């Protein structure tokens, strides 16, 4: 598996959404086939949460919706991550965004932004 992919997951889970986006975009550019839209969905997920933290709720909702549309077409576990959990989390956030206050920019911990869960294979 590509190190850009896992470095992107690490950045995302650390709340560095712009950096995750950059890593996954670098991977996406050279990818062809079935994984291409998967990576694009991850990129849109990172961009969506980046917008959310900057109170761009329209951009966040749009990007997370596009991400969900792509990611939900993949198996529950794909490329080593729990895609089903990520999709469920995105669906929750898409319904939450319209209800957010337009006050102070929320902190990542306050929002409980989801993490990307890596699946562990045991033989």
Protein backbone atom coordinates (compact mmCIF):
# COMPACT_ATOMS: atom_id res chain seq x y z
CA UNK A 1 0.00 0.00 0.00
CA UNK A 2 1.21 3.48 -0.82
CA UNK A 3 2.84 5.47 1.98
CA UNK A 4 1.04 8.65 0.80
CA UNK A 5 -2.24 6.91 1.60
CA UNK A 6 -1.27 6.09 5.20
CA UNK A 7 0.46 9.42 5.77
CA UNK A 8 -2.78 11.06 4.64
CA UNK A 9 -4.71 9.02 7.21
CA UNK A 10 -2.26 10.07 9.93
CA UNK A 11 -2.61 13.75 8.99
CA UNK A 12 -6.41 13.48 8.82
CA UNK A 13 -6.63 11.77 12.20
CA UNK A 14 -4.37 14.47 13.68
CA UNK A 15 -6.77 17.15 12.42
CA UNK A 16 -4.44 18.34 9.65
CA UNK A 17 -7.05 18.20 6.91
CA UNK A 18 -5.27 20.42 4.40
CA UNK A 19 -2.13 18.29 4.67
CA UNK A 20 -4.16 15.07 4.30
CA UNK A 21 -5.77 16.54 1.21
CA UNK A 22 -2.38 17.34 -0.30
CA UNK A 23 -1.01 13.84 0.30
CA UNK A 24 -4.08 12.10 -1.09
CA UNK A 25 -4.20 14.43 -4.08
CA UNK A 26 -0.61 13.52 -4.90
CA UNK A 27 -1.66 9.86 -4.82
CA UNK A 28 -4.91 10.49 -6.76
CA UNK A 29 -3.19 12.22 -9.69
CA UNK A 30 -1.31 9.08 -10.69
CA UNK A 31 -4.08 6.59 -9.87
CA UNK A 32 -6.25 4.96 -12.51
CA UNK A 33 -9.00 2.41 -12.10
CA UNK A 34 -11.34 1.66 -9.25
CA UNK A 35 -9.28 3.33 -6.48
CA UNK A 36 -9.28 6.76 -8.19
CA UNK A 37 -12.78 7.75 -7.03
CA UNK A 38 -12.05 6.33 -3.59
CA UNK A 39 -9.07 8.65 -3.18
CA UNK A 40 -11.13 11.53 -4.53
CA UNK A 41 -13.75 10.78 -1.87
CA UNK A 42 -11.08 10.91 0.83
CA UNK A 43 -9.79 14.19 -0.57
CA UNK A 44 -13.31 15.63 -0.47
CA UNK A 45 -13.72 14.38 3.10
CA UNK A 46 -10.58 16.23 4.18
CA UNK A 47 -11.61 19.38 2.32
CA UNK A 48 -15.08 19.20 3.86
CA UNK A 49 -13.75 19.15 7.40
CA UNK A 50 -11.21 21.85 6.52
CA UNK A 51 -14.14 24.05 5.43
CA UNK A 52 -16.11 23.14 8.54
CA UNK A 53 -13.38 24.39 10.86
CA UNK A 54 -13.29 27.66 8.92
CA UNK A 55 -17.06 28.08 9.26
CA UNK A 56 -17.63 27.61 5.54
CA UNK A 57 -20.68 25.47 6.20
CA UNK A 58 -21.92 25.49 2.62
CA UNK A 59 -18.53 24.29 1.34
CA UNK A 60 -18.31 21.69 4.11
CA UNK A 61 -21.74 20.29 3.36
CA UNK A 62 -21.07 20.21 -0.38
CA UNK A 63 -17.72 18.46 -0.09
CA UNK A 64 -18.88 15.94 2.51
CA UNK A 65 -21.93 15.12 0.38
CA UNK A 66 -19.76 14.52 -2.68
CA UNK A 67 -17.40 12.39 -0.59
CA UNK A 68 -20.23 10.27 0.76
CA UNK A 69 -21.66 9.72 -2.71
CA UNK A 70 -18.33 8.31 -3.84
CA UNK A 71 -17.28 6.39 -0.74
CA UNK A 72 -20.60 4.62 -0.20
CA UNK A 73 -20.11 2.78 -3.51
CA UNK A 74 -17.12 0.92 -2.05
CA UNK A 75 -17.15 -2.18 0.18
CA UNK A 76 -17.44 -1.81 3.96
CA UNK A 77 -13.69 -2.36 4.19
CA UNK A 78 -11.63 -0.98 1.33
CA UNK A 79 -7.90 -0.37 1.02
CA UNK A 80 -7.54 -1.29 4.68
CA UNK A 81 -9.94 1.26 6.13
CA UNK A 82 -13.39 0.95 7.66
CA UNK A 83 -15.31 2.58 4.83
CA UNK A 84 -18.70 1.72 6.36
CA UNK A 85 -17.85 3.62 9.56
CA UNK A 86 -16.50 6.59 7.64
CA UNK A 87 -19.66 6.75 5.51
CA UNK A 88 -21.88 6.55 8.59
CA UNK A 89 -19.90 9.38 10.19
CA UNK A 90 -20.16 11.51 7.05
CA UNK A 91 -23.92 10.99 6.89
CA UNK A 92 -24.23 12.22 10.48
CA UNK A 93 -22.14 15.29 9.76
CA UNK A 94 -24.10 16.17 6.65
CA UNK A 95 -27.24 16.39 8.81
CA UNK A 96 -25.44 18.30 11.61
CA UNK A 97 -23.86 21.07 9.57
CA UNK A 98 -27.05 23.09 8.94
CA UNK A 99 -27.61 23.29 12.71
CA UNK A 100 -24.18 24.64 13.65
CA UNK A 101 -23.93 28.04 15.23
CA UNK A 102 -22.29 30.76 13.18
CA UNK A 103 -20.40 31.99 16.25
CA UNK A 104 -16.82 31.19 17.14
CA UNK A 105 -15.09 28.67 14.89
CA UNK A 106 -15.47 25.27 16.53
CA UNK A 107 -12.48 23.26 17.70
CA UNK A 108 -11.87 19.77 16.35
CA UNK A 109 -12.28 18.14 19.77
CA UNK A 110 -15.55 19.96 20.42
CA UNK A 111 -16.98 18.73 17.15
CA UNK A 112 -15.90 15.10 17.51
CA UNK A 113 -14.82 15.02 13.89
CA UNK A 114 -14.45 11.36 13.00
CA UNK A 115 -11.18 9.54 12.58
CA UNK A 116 -10.41 7.17 9.75
CA UNK A 117 -10.19 3.68 11.20
CA UNK A 118 -7.59 1.35 9.75
CA UNK A 119 -8.76 -2.25 9.67
CA UNK A 120 -6.36 -4.80 11.13
CA UNK A 121 -6.12 -8.13 9.32
CA UNK A 122 -5.44 -11.15 11.50
CA UNK A 123 -4.68 -14.51 9.89
